[in-house]
C-alpha atoms as a PDB file:
ATOM      1  CA  MET A   1      99.450  77.166 201.657  1.00  0.00           C
ATOM      2  CA  ALA A   2      99.562  78.746 205.113  1.00  0.00           C
ATOM      3  CA  ALA A   3      96.642  78.589 207.537  1.00  0.00           C
ATOM      4  CA  THR A   4      93.795  80.789 206.411  1.00  0.00           C
ATOM      5  CA  PRO A   5      92.989  83.744 208.681  1.00  0.00           C
ATOM      6  CA  HIS A   6      89.290  84.001 209.483  1.00  0.00           C
ATOM      7  CA  LEU A   7      86.960  86.959 209.113  1.00  0.00           C
ATOM      8  CA  GLU A   8      84.598  88.357 211.749  1.00  0.00           C
ATOM      9  CA  PHE A   9      81.497  86.642 210.372  1.00  0.00           C
ATOM     10  CA  GLU A  10      83.323  83.280 210.078  1.00  0.00           C
ATOM     11  CA  ARG A  11      83.695  82.829 213.850  1.00  0.00           C
ATOM     12  CA  ASP A  12      81.086  80.042 214.109  1.00  0.00           C
ATOM     13  CA  MET A  13      82.687  78.136 211.235  1.00  0.00           C
ATOM     14  CA  VAL A  14      86.106  78.434 212.865  1.00  0.00           C
ATOM     15  CA  GLU A  15      84.744  76.963 216.099  1.00  0.00           C
ATOM     16  CA  VAL A  16      83.303  73.939 214.265  1.00  0.00           C
ATOM     17  CA  GLN A  17      86.565  73.447 212.370  1.00  0.00           C
ATOM     18  CA  GLU A  18      88.478  73.519 215.667  1.00  0.00           C
ATOM     19  CA  GLN A  19      86.169  70.807 217.020  1.00  0.00           C
ATOM     20  CA  ILE A  20      86.888  68.702 213.941  1.00  0.00           C
ATOM     21  CA  ASP A  21      90.628  69.163 214.426  1.00  0.00           C
ATOM     22  CA  GLN A  22      90.317  68.142 218.077  1.00  0.00           C
ATOM     23  CA  LEU A  23      88.401  65.005 217.100  1.00  0.00           C
ATOM     24  CA  LEU A  24      91.094  64.056 214.594  1.00  0.00           C
ATOM     25  CA  GLU A  25      93.801  64.613 217.183  1.00  0.00           C
ATOM     26  CA  LEU A  26      91.899  62.512 219.735  1.00  0.00           C
ATOM     27  CA  ALA A  27      91.407  59.691 217.241  1.00  0.00           C
ATOM     28  CA  GLU A  28      95.112  59.666 216.426  1.00  0.00           C
ATOM     29  CA  LYS A  29      96.224  59.662 220.076  1.00  0.00           C
ATOM     30  CA  LYS A  30      93.659  57.175 221.439  1.00  0.00           C
ATOM     31  CA  GLY A  31      93.243  55.034 218.322  1.00  0.00           C
ATOM     32  CA  ILE A  32      89.443  55.270 218.438  1.00  0.00           C
ATOM     33  CA  ASP A  33      86.932  55.430 215.613  1.00  0.00           C
ATOM     34  CA  VAL A  34      85.331  58.882 215.312  1.00  0.00           C
ATOM     35  CA  SER A  35      84.188  58.581 211.695  1.00  0.00           C
ATOM     36  CA  ARG A  36      80.485  59.021 212.545  1.00  0.00           C
ATOM     37  CA  GLU A  37      81.130  62.119 214.632  1.00  0.00           C
ATOM     38  CA  LEU A  38      83.440  63.533 211.958  1.00  0.00           C
ATOM     39  CA  THR A  39      80.799  63.064 209.269  1.00  0.00           C
ATOM     40  CA  GLU A  40      78.230  64.902 211.356  1.00  0.00           C
ATOM     41  CA  MET A  41      80.613  67.747 212.163  1.00  0.00           C
ATOM     42  CA  ARG A  42      81.711  68.151 208.536  1.00  0.00           C
ATOM     43  CA  GLU A  43      78.102  68.243 207.377  1.00  0.00           C
ATOM     44  CA  LYS A  44      77.389  70.885 210.012  1.00  0.00           C
ATOM     45  CA  LEU A  45      80.388  72.919 208.828  1.00  0.00           C
ATOM     46  CA  GLN A  46      79.299  72.713 205.185  1.00  0.00           C
ATOM     47  CA  THR A  47      75.746  73.776 206.044  1.00  0.00           C
ATOM     48  CA  LEU A  48      77.034  76.662 208.139  1.00  0.00           C
ATOM     49  CA  ARG A  49      79.386  77.782 205.350  1.00  0.00           C
ATOM     50  CA  ASP A  50      76.595  77.619 202.751  1.00  0.00           C
ATOM     51  CA  GLU A  51      74.208  79.668 204.891  1.00  0.00           C
ATOM     52  CA  THR A  52      76.847  82.237 205.867  1.00  0.00           C
ATOM     53  CA  TYR A  53      78.122  82.916 202.349  1.00  0.00           C
ATOM     54  CA  ARG A  54      74.623  82.958 200.910  1.00  0.00           C
ATOM     55  CA  ASN A  55      73.652  85.839 203.215  1.00  0.00           C
ATOM     56  CA  LEU A  56      76.680  88.131 203.247  1.00  0.00           C
ATOM     57  CA  SER A  57      76.050  91.829 203.823  1.00  0.00           C
ATOM     58  CA  PRO A  58      77.843  94.381 201.588  1.00  0.00           C
ATOM     59  CA  ILE A  59      80.442  95.074 204.286  1.00  0.00           C
ATOM     60  CA  ASP A  60      81.012  91.318 204.648  1.00  0.00           C
ATOM     61  CA  GLN A  61      81.647  91.192 200.904  1.00  0.00           C
ATOM     62  CA  VAL A  62      84.212  93.949 201.331  1.00  0.00           C
ATOM     63  CA  GLN A  63      86.033  91.840 203.931  1.00  0.00           C
ATOM     64  CA  VAL A  64      86.106  88.820 201.621  1.00  0.00           C
ATOM     65  CA  ALA A  65      87.361  90.931 198.698  1.00  0.00           C
ATOM     66  CA  ARG A  66      90.250  92.140 200.894  1.00  0.00           C
ATOM     67  CA  HIS A  67      91.035  88.730 202.415  1.00  0.00           C
ATOM     68  CA  PRO A  68      94.831  88.365 202.816  1.00  0.00           C
ATOM     69  CA  ARG A  69      94.730  84.831 201.388  1.00  0.00           C
ATOM     70  CA  ARG A  70      92.683  85.762 198.327  1.00  0.00           C
ATOM     71  CA  PRO A  71      94.467  84.913 195.031  1.00  0.00           C
ATOM     72  CA  TYR A  72      96.250  87.831 193.377  1.00  0.00           C
ATOM     73  CA  THR A  73      97.125  88.426 189.731  1.00  0.00           C
ATOM     74  CA  LYS A  74     100.307  86.342 189.775  1.00  0.00           C
ATOM     75  CA  ASP A  75      98.458  83.448 191.419  1.00  0.00           C
ATOM     76  CA  TYR A  76      95.992  83.389 188.522  1.00  0.00           C
ATOM     77  CA  ILE A  77      98.821  83.729 186.005  1.00  0.00           C
ATOM     78  CA  GLU A  78     100.285  80.474 187.353  1.00  0.00           C
ATOM     79  CA  ARG A  79      96.953  78.609 187.231  1.00  0.00           C
ATOM     80  CA  VAL A  80      95.035  80.018 184.258  1.00  0.00           C
ATOM     81  CA  PHE A  81      97.689  80.960 181.680  1.00  0.00           C
ATOM     82  CA  THR A  82     100.815  79.443 180.171  1.00  0.00           C
ATOM     83  CA  ASP A  83     104.067  80.800 178.713  1.00  0.00           C
ATOM     84  CA  PHE A  84     103.923  84.080 180.640  1.00  0.00           C
ATOM     85  CA  ILE A  85     106.720  86.508 179.738  1.00  0.00           C
ATOM     86  CA  GLU A  86     106.761  89.552 182.000  1.00  0.00           C
ATOM     87  CA  LEU A  87     107.529  92.941 180.453  1.00  0.00           C
ATOM     88  CA  HIS A  88     108.829  95.847 182.504  1.00  0.00           C
ATOM     89  CA  GLY A  89     108.946  99.629 182.544  1.00  0.00           C
ATOM     90  CA  ASP A  90     107.100 102.588 181.058  1.00  0.00           C
ATOM     91  CA  ARG A  91     110.092 103.699 178.936  1.00  0.00           C
ATOM     92  CA  SER A  92     109.988 107.093 180.654  1.00  0.00           C
ATOM     93  CA  TYR A  93     110.759 106.754 184.360  1.00  0.00           C
ATOM     94  CA  ARG A  94     110.913 103.278 185.923  1.00  0.00           C
ATOM     95  CA  ASP A  95     109.174  99.949 186.423  1.00  0.00           C
ATOM     96  CA  ASP A  96     106.236  99.973 188.860  1.00  0.00           C
ATOM     97  CA  ALA A  97     105.884  96.632 190.673  1.00  0.00           C
ATOM     98  CA  ALA A  98     102.255  97.424 191.636  1.00  0.00           C
ATOM     99  CA  ILE A  99     101.313  96.460 188.072  1.00  0.00           C
ATOM    100  CA  VAL A 100     102.550  93.301 186.355  1.00  0.00           C
ATOM    101  CA  GLY A 101     102.081  92.593 182.685  1.00  0.00           C
ATOM    102  CA  GLY A 102     103.327  90.627 179.738  1.00  0.00           C
ATOM    103  CA  TRP A 103     102.558  88.113 177.034  1.00  0.00           C
ATOM    104  CA  ALA A 104     100.776  84.888 177.954  1.00  0.00           C
ATOM    105  CA  ARG A 105      98.644  82.173 176.400  1.00  0.00           C
ATOM    106  CA  LEU A 106      95.109  81.138 177.284  1.00  0.00           C
ATOM    107  CA  ASP A 107      94.253  77.702 175.886  1.00  0.00           C
ATOM    108  CA  GLY A 108      97.115  78.145 173.445  1.00  0.00           C
ATOM    109  CA  GLU A 109      96.035  81.573 172.170  1.00  0.00           C
ATOM    110  CA  PRO A 110      98.419  84.521 172.780  1.00  0.00           C
ATOM    111  CA  LEU A 111      97.241  87.633 174.589  1.00  0.00           C
ATOM    112  CA  MET A 112      98.517  90.538 176.679  1.00  0.00           C
ATOM    113  CA  LEU A 113      97.895  90.172 180.411  1.00  0.00           C
ATOM    114  CA  ILE A 114      98.035  93.150 182.804  1.00  0.00           C
ATOM    115  CA  GLY A 115      97.031  93.334 186.458  1.00  0.00           C
ATOM    116  CA  HIS A 116      97.430  94.974 189.842  1.00  0.00           C
ATOM    117  CA  GLN A 117      99.629  93.021 192.224  1.00  0.00           C
ATOM    118  CA  LYS A 118      99.662  93.109 196.046  1.00  0.00           C
ATOM    119  CA  GLY A 119     102.140  91.457 198.408  1.00  0.00           C
ATOM    120  CA  ARG A 120     101.666  88.625 200.910  1.00  0.00           C
ATOM    121  CA  ASP A 121     103.851  90.078 203.662  1.00  0.00           C
ATOM    122  CA  MET A 122     105.145  93.497 204.663  1.00  0.00           C
ATOM    123  CA  LYS A 123     108.319  93.261 202.573  1.00  0.00           C
ATOM    124  CA  ALA A 124     106.394  92.236 199.457  1.00  0.00           C
ATOM    125  CA  ASN A 125     103.707  94.841 200.092  1.00  0.00           C
ATOM    126  CA  LEU A 126     106.313  97.586 200.327  1.00  0.00           C
ATOM    127  CA  HIS A 127     107.777  96.361 197.030  1.00  0.00           C
ATOM    128  CA  ARG A 128     104.317  96.273 195.425  1.00  0.00           C
ATOM    129  CA  ASN A 129     103.187  99.464 197.201  1.00  0.00           C
ATOM    130  CA  PHE A 130     100.147  97.561 198.547  1.00  0.00           C
ATOM    131  CA  GLY A 131      98.835  97.228 194.991  1.00  0.00           C
ATOM    132  CA  MET A 132      98.552 101.009 194.527  1.00  0.00           C
ATOM    133  CA  PRO A 133     100.191 102.019 191.224  1.00  0.00           C
ATOM    134  CA  HIS A 134     102.187 105.157 190.526  1.00  0.00           C
ATOM    135  CA  PRO A 135     101.688 106.975 187.203  1.00  0.00           C
ATOM    136  CA  GLU A 136     104.521 104.967 185.651  1.00  0.00           C
ATOM    137  CA  GLY A 137     102.525 101.815 186.403  1.00  0.00           C
ATOM    138  CA  TYR A 138      99.599 103.065 184.352  1.00  0.00           C
ATOM    139  CA  ARG A 139     101.947 104.241 181.599  1.00  0.00           C
ATOM    140  CA  LYS A 140     103.491 100.763 181.543  1.00  0.00           C
ATOM    141  CA  ALA A 141     100.009  99.270 181.253  1.00  0.00           C
ATOM    142  CA  LEU A 142      99.130 101.555 178.338  1.00  0.00           C
ATOM    143  CA  ARG A 143     102.437 100.763 176.613  1.00  0.00           C
ATOM    144  CA  LEU A 144     101.603  97.048 176.793  1.00  0.00           C
ATOM    145  CA  MET A 145      98.055  97.612 175.536  1.00  0.00           C
ATOM    146  CA  ARG A 146      99.383  99.485 172.513  1.00  0.00           C
ATOM    147  CA  LEU A 147     101.860  96.674 171.932  1.00  0.00           C
ATOM    148  CA  ALA A 148      98.986  94.175 171.949  1.00  0.00           C
ATOM    149  CA  GLU A 149      97.067  96.367 169.496  1.00  0.00           C
ATOM    150  CA  LYS A 150     100.099  96.480 167.188  1.00  0.00           C
ATOM    151  CA  PHE A 151     100.197  92.680 167.019  1.00  0.00           C
ATOM    152  CA  ARG A 152      96.371  92.371 166.993  1.00  0.00           C
ATOM    153  CA  ARG A 153      96.191  90.397 170.230  1.00  0.00           C
ATOM    154  CA  PRO A 154      93.516  90.641 172.959  1.00  0.00           C
ATOM    155  CA  VAL A 155      94.154  92.316 176.296  1.00  0.00           C
ATOM    156  CA  VAL A 156      93.033  90.901 179.648  1.00  0.00           C
ATOM    157  CA  THR A 157      93.323  93.039 182.777  1.00  0.00           C
ATOM    158  CA  PHE A 158      92.983  91.944 186.405  1.00  0.00           C
ATOM    159  CA  ILE A 159      91.720  94.640 188.772  1.00  0.00           C
ATOM    160  CA  ASP A 160      92.659  94.463 192.458  1.00  0.00           C
ATOM    161  CA  THR A 161      93.663  97.750 194.094  1.00  0.00           C
ATOM    162  CA  PRO A 162      92.487 100.076 196.867  1.00  0.00           C
ATOM    163  CA  GLY A 163      93.190 102.898 194.402  1.00  0.00           C
ATOM    164  CA  ALA A 164      95.988 104.778 192.680  1.00  0.00           C
ATOM    165  CA  TYR A 165      98.816 105.893 194.968  1.00  0.00           C
ATOM    166  CA  PRO A 166      98.034 109.459 196.210  1.00  0.00           C
ATOM    167  CA  GLY A 167     101.564 110.413 197.274  1.00  0.00           C
ATOM    168  CA  ILE A 168     103.222 113.734 196.457  1.00  0.00           C
ATOM    169  CA  GLY A 169     105.742 112.104 194.114  1.00  0.00           C
ATOM    170  CA  ALA A 170     103.006 110.351 192.156  1.00  0.00           C
ATOM    171  CA  GLU A 171     101.050 113.585 191.823  1.00  0.00           C
ATOM    172  CA  LYS A 172     104.160 115.447 190.671  1.00  0.00           C
ATOM    173  CA  ARG A 173     104.724 112.852 187.959  1.00  0.00           C
ATOM    174  CA  GLY A 174     101.174 113.217 186.645  1.00  0.00           C
ATOM    175  CA  GLN A 175      98.988 110.605 188.343  1.00  0.00           C
ATOM    176  CA  ALA A 176      95.696 112.135 187.183  1.00  0.00           C
ATOM    177  CA  GLU A 177      96.982 112.613 183.634  1.00  0.00           C
ATOM    178  CA  ALA A 178      98.203 109.012 183.442  1.00  0.00           C
ATOM    179  CA  ILE A 179      94.823 107.656 184.531  1.00  0.00           C
ATOM    180  CA  ALA A 180      92.941 109.976 182.173  1.00  0.00           C
ATOM    181  CA  MET A 181      95.175 108.919 179.268  1.00  0.00           C
ATOM    182  CA  ASN A 182      94.410 105.252 179.946  1.00  0.00           C
ATOM    183  CA  LEU A 183      90.671 105.931 180.003  1.00  0.00           C
ATOM    184  CA  ARG A 184      90.808 107.730 176.668  1.00  0.00           C
ATOM    185  CA  GLU A 185      93.083 105.269 174.915  1.00  0.00           C
ATOM    186  CA  MET A 186      91.326 102.133 176.166  1.00  0.00           C
ATOM    187  CA  ALA A 187      88.058 103.528 174.841  1.00  0.00           C
ATOM    188  CA  ARG A 188      89.444 103.519 171.310  1.00  0.00           C
ATOM    189  CA  LEU A 189      91.932 100.652 171.168  1.00  0.00           C
ATOM    190  CA  ARG A 190      91.317  98.414 168.153  1.00  0.00           C
ATOM    191  CA  THR A 191      91.746  95.103 169.943  1.00  0.00           C
ATOM    192  CA  PRO A 192      89.514  92.987 172.237  1.00  0.00           C
ATOM    193  CA  LEU A 193      89.600  94.086 175.885  1.00  0.00           C
ATOM    194  CA  VAL A 194      88.348  92.140 178.905  1.00  0.00           C
ATOM    195  CA  SER A 195      88.752  93.164 182.555  1.00  0.00           C
ATOM    196  CA  VAL A 196      88.187  90.974 185.602  1.00  0.00           C
ATOM    197  CA  VAL A 197      87.715  92.408 189.089  1.00  0.00           C
ATOM    198  CA  ILE A 198      89.385  89.725 191.217  1.00  0.00           C
ATOM    199  CA  GLY A 199      89.376  91.509 194.573  1.00  0.00           C
ATOM    200  CA  GLU A 200      89.050  95.180 195.414  1.00  0.00           C
ATOM    201  CA  GLY A 201      88.345  97.593 192.561  1.00  0.00           C
ATOM    202  CA  GLY A 202      88.947 101.048 193.995  1.00  0.00           C
ATOM    203  CA  SER A 203      88.268 104.370 192.273  1.00  0.00           C
ATOM    204  CA  GLY A 204      90.229 105.663 189.272  1.00  0.00           C
ATOM    205  CA  GLY A 205      93.095 103.363 190.174  1.00  0.00           C
ATOM    206  CA  ALA A 206      90.888 100.462 189.124  1.00  0.00           C
ATOM    207  CA  LEU A 207      89.123 102.235 186.261  1.00  0.00           C
ATOM    208  CA  ALA A 208      92.477 102.913 184.574  1.00  0.00           C
ATOM    209  CA  LEU A 209      92.511  99.188 183.695  1.00  0.00           C
ATOM    210  CA  GLY A 210      88.748  98.836 183.390  1.00  0.00           C
ATOM    211  CA  VAL A 211      87.494 100.578 180.236  1.00  0.00           C
ATOM    212  CA  THR A 212      86.970  97.319 178.373  1.00  0.00           C
ATOM    213  CA  ASP A 213      84.516  95.511 176.110  1.00  0.00           C
ATOM    214  CA  ARG A 214      83.544  93.130 178.919  1.00  0.00           C
ATOM    215  CA  ILE A 215      83.716  93.701 182.674  1.00  0.00           C
ATOM    216  CA  LEU A 216      83.698  90.457 184.656  1.00  0.00           C
ATOM    217  CA  MET A 217      83.655  90.195 188.438  1.00  0.00           C
ATOM    218  CA  LEU A 218      84.410  87.347 190.785  1.00  0.00           C
ATOM    219  CA  GLU A 219      81.438  86.746 193.063  1.00  0.00           C
ATOM    220  CA  HIS A 220      82.975  88.251 196.197  1.00  0.00           C
ATOM    221  CA  SER A 221      84.871  91.096 194.555  1.00  0.00           C
ATOM    222  CA  ILE A 222      83.863  94.760 194.865  1.00  0.00           C
ATOM    223  CA  TYR A 223      84.064  97.745 192.501  1.00  0.00           C
ATOM    224  CA  SER A 224      83.452 101.288 193.690  1.00  0.00           C
ATOM    225  CA  VAL A 225      84.330 104.945 193.260  1.00  0.00           C
ATOM    226  CA  ILE A 226      85.498 105.086 196.897  1.00  0.00           C
ATOM    227  CA  SER A 227      86.045 102.718 199.815  1.00  0.00           C
ATOM    228  CA  PRO A 228      83.261 102.326 202.398  1.00  0.00           C
ATOM    229  CA  GLU A 229      85.560 103.835 205.024  1.00  0.00           C
ATOM    230  CA  GLY A 230      86.342 106.855 202.836  1.00  0.00           C
ATOM    231  CA  CYS A 231      82.694 107.366 201.979  1.00  0.00           C
ATOM    232  CA  ALA A 232      81.665 107.148 205.658  1.00  0.00           C
ATOM    233  CA  ALA A 233      84.363 109.642 206.650  1.00  0.00           C
ATOM    234  CA  ILE A 234      82.981 112.146 204.118  1.00  0.00           C
ATOM    235  CA  LEU A 235      79.244 111.671 204.717  1.00  0.00           C
ATOM    236  CA  TRP A 236      79.142 110.835 208.419  1.00  0.00           C
ATOM    237  CA  ARG A 237      82.510 112.215 209.536  1.00  0.00           C
ATOM    238  CA  SER A 238      83.386 108.771 210.895  1.00  0.00           C
ATOM    239  CA  ALA A 239      84.564 105.482 209.403  1.00  0.00           C
ATOM    240  CA  ASP A 240      82.358 103.753 212.006  1.00  0.00           C
ATOM    241  CA  HIS A 241      79.484 104.083 209.526  1.00  0.00           C
ATOM    242  CA  ARG A 242      81.193 101.972 206.884  1.00  0.00           C
ATOM    243  CA  ASP A 243      78.334  99.421 206.970  1.00  0.00           C
ATOM    244  CA  LYS A 244      75.836 102.057 205.799  1.00  0.00           C
ATOM    245  CA  ALA A 245      78.329 103.345 203.235  1.00  0.00           C
ATOM    246  CA  ALA A 246      78.917  99.875 201.787  1.00  0.00           C
ATOM    247  CA  GLU A 247      75.161  99.407 201.416  1.00  0.00           C
ATOM    248  CA  ALA A 248      74.673 102.787 199.738  1.00  0.00           C
ATOM    249  CA  LEU A 249      77.607 102.441 197.328  1.00  0.00           C
ATOM    250  CA  LYS A 250      76.152  99.337 195.610  1.00  0.00           C
ATOM    251  CA  LEU A 251      79.652  97.932 195.244  1.00  0.00           C
ATOM    252  CA  THR A 252      79.003  94.176 195.209  1.00  0.00           C
ATOM    253  CA  SER A 253      79.120  92.045 192.079  1.00  0.00           C
ATOM    254  CA  SER A 254      75.379  91.301 192.273  1.00  0.00           C
ATOM    255  CA  ASP A 255      74.528  95.025 192.559  1.00  0.00           C
ATOM    256  CA  LEU A 256      76.778  95.973 189.661  1.00  0.00           C
ATOM    257  CA  HIS A 257      75.455  93.169 187.472  1.00  0.00           C
ATOM    258  CA  ARG A 258      71.889  94.286 188.156  1.00  0.00           C
ATOM    259  CA  LEU A 259      72.840  97.890 187.314  1.00  0.00           C
ATOM    260  CA  GLY A 260      74.418  96.851 184.015  1.00  0.00           C
ATOM    261  CA  ILE A 261      77.995  97.759 184.950  1.00  0.00           C
ATOM    262  CA  CYS A 262      79.265  94.189 185.240  1.00  0.00           C
ATOM    263  CA  ASP A 263      78.650  91.868 182.275  1.00  0.00           C
ATOM    264  CA  GLU A 264      78.975  88.591 184.168  1.00  0.00           C
ATOM    265  CA  VAL A 265      79.588  87.392 187.722  1.00  0.00           C
ATOM    266  CA  ILE A 266      81.931  84.418 188.057  1.00  0.00           C
ATOM    267  CA  ASP A 267      80.814  82.174 190.915  1.00  0.00           C
ATOM    268  CA  GLU A 268      83.406  81.400 193.570  1.00  0.00           C
ATOM    269  CA  PRO A 269      83.615  78.132 195.514  1.00  0.00           C
ATOM    270  CA  VAL A 270      81.560  78.198 198.710  1.00  0.00           C
ATOM    271  CA  GLY A 271      83.702  79.951 201.306  1.00  0.00           C
ATOM    272  CA  GLY A 272      85.316  82.326 198.813  1.00  0.00           C
ATOM    273  CA  ALA A 273      88.242  82.213 196.386  1.00  0.00           C
ATOM    274  CA  HIS A 274      90.705  82.212 199.305  1.00  0.00           C
ATOM    275  CA  THR A 275      89.580  78.679 200.245  1.00  0.00           C
ATOM    276  CA  ASP A 276      90.053  77.162 196.773  1.00  0.00           C
ATOM    277  CA  TRP A 277      92.504  78.853 194.420  1.00  0.00           C
ATOM    278  CA  ASP A 278      92.421  76.062 191.837  1.00  0.00           C
ATOM    279  CA  GLY A 279      88.619  75.857 191.712  1.00  0.00           C
ATOM    280  CA  THR A 280      88.316  79.617 191.263  1.00  0.00           C
ATOM    281  CA  SER A 281      90.999  79.591 188.562  1.00  0.00           C
ATOM    282  CA  ALA A 282      89.200  76.866 186.610  1.00  0.00           C
ATOM    283  CA  ARG A 283      85.959  78.878 186.576  1.00  0.00           C
ATOM    284  CA  LEU A 284      87.849  82.013 185.587  1.00  0.00           C
ATOM    285  CA  ARG A 285      89.594  80.235 182.701  1.00  0.00           C
ATOM    286  CA  THR A 286      86.319  78.945 181.255  1.00  0.00           C
ATOM    287  CA  THR A 287      84.542  82.301 181.472  1.00  0.00           C
ATOM    288  CA  LEU A 288      87.474  84.277 180.076  1.00  0.00           C
ATOM    289  CA  GLY A 289      87.845  81.920 177.127  1.00  0.00           C
ATOM    290  CA  ARG A 290      84.177  82.254 176.218  1.00  0.00           C
ATOM    291  CA  HIS A 291      84.174  86.059 176.274  1.00  0.00           C
ATOM    292  CA  LEU A 292      87.422  86.342 174.331  1.00  0.00           C
ATOM    293  CA  GLN A 293      86.117  83.979 171.684  1.00  0.00           C
ATOM    294  CA  GLU A 294      83.023  86.147 171.219  1.00  0.00           C
ATOM    295  CA  LEU A 295      85.026  89.384 171.008  1.00  0.00           C
ATOM    296  CA  VAL A 296      87.678  88.076 168.620  1.00  0.00           C
ATOM    297  CA  ALA A 297      84.923  87.059 166.199  1.00  0.00           C
ATOM    298  CA  MET A 298      83.774  90.709 165.875  1.00  0.00           C
ATOM    299  CA  SER A 299      85.245  93.315 163.560  1.00  0.00           C
ATOM    300  CA  ASP A 300      87.261  96.154 165.122  1.00  0.00           C
ATOM    301  CA  ASP A 301      84.615  98.725 164.202  1.00  0.00           C
ATOM    302  CA  GLU A 302      81.747  96.644 165.606  1.00  0.00           C
ATOM    303  CA  ARG A 303      83.619  96.004 168.837  1.00  0.00           C
ATOM    304  CA  ARG A 304      84.502  99.675 169.365  1.00  0.00           C
ATOM    305  CA  LYS A 305      80.954 100.755 168.575  1.00  0.00           C
ATOM    306  CA  LEU A 306      79.580  98.378 171.200  1.00  0.00           C
ATOM    307  CA  ARG A 307      82.232  99.507 173.690  1.00  0.00           C
ATOM    308  CA  TRP A 308      81.222 103.144 173.313  1.00  0.00           C
ATOM    309  CA  ALA A 309      77.525 102.261 173.621  1.00  0.00           C
ATOM    310  CA  LYS A 310      78.240 100.273 176.788  1.00  0.00           C
ATOM    311  CA  TYR A 311      79.778 103.224 178.612  1.00  0.00           C
ATOM    312  CA  GLU A 312      77.356 105.811 177.252  1.00  0.00           C
ATOM    313  CA  ALA A 313      74.512 103.750 178.741  1.00  0.00           C
ATOM    314  CA  MET A 314      76.014 103.742 182.247  1.00  0.00           C
ATOM    315  CA  GLY A 315      74.548 106.172 184.736  1.00  0.00           C
ATOM    316  CA  ALA A 316      71.431 106.899 182.683  1.00  0.00           C
ATOM    317  CA  TRP A 317      68.623 108.575 184.632  1.00  0.00           C
ATOM    318  CA  ARG A 318      65.219 110.093 184.071  1.00  0.00           C
ATOM    319  CA  ASP A 319      62.855 112.547 185.791  1.00  0.00           C
ATOM    320  CA  ARG A 320      59.704 111.139 187.338  1.00  0.00           C
END
């Protein structure tokens, strides 16, 4: 894996890590024993990392959720699932690379897996459209969900997108209609549905894969109707107020769990998922397996009834 870029609030940790690297280089060149100093420096780094990630602000969480080294859908496919067979196309227009999907197995059990996919470099991001699906991407996703329903298999979706692509071509081909169709059909599918927010869950582009029986979120993921920058531009006429917007939007996993939107928060290794792909994948596999086991044990009618009740309860309010 390539060197991990650091975020603004990680500057102190980067400085300590550089000191550790310099010590190791010195020990190799001079042949001296620096084990005691290394132990002290590594303990300092671990303490600093623990304190930093325990006290992240909402806008810091946004930065972690968007980290360029954070695992994407295909990275989890390689580590959590087996026997993945990718399926392509919406059978109407074309295949949208911003959404990947296909059959896979989790602990030997078959399921349909669908997720947003970003790229690691400019070429890949252009191919994946920066993880922003066109309407044909959402139609492909719905086609695969219906296929899973036909064969009575669960559906797992991974959410990681800034939002649906807002281009003229996408709008001409029915972007809003495609998203609305997914919302309606997911609400009544007769098969278990689980969604996991693995990075950035933005607006209707995320919700089009998110009307599920269980909504799980990785600890440093975010889920919101609009980005902090977009919200700040509307309310304060400047993206400079994104810190206040991130606080007001209540977009972190802990906020959404407290509000009853998210069913469970999956802890990430200290330092974020981008520092330990395998550790994050192991925690994801365990949590996913538990929720799927619970949902498969229910009848179709019971599961759909609970799904409807879940979404009807969201956004409840009362006069004082």
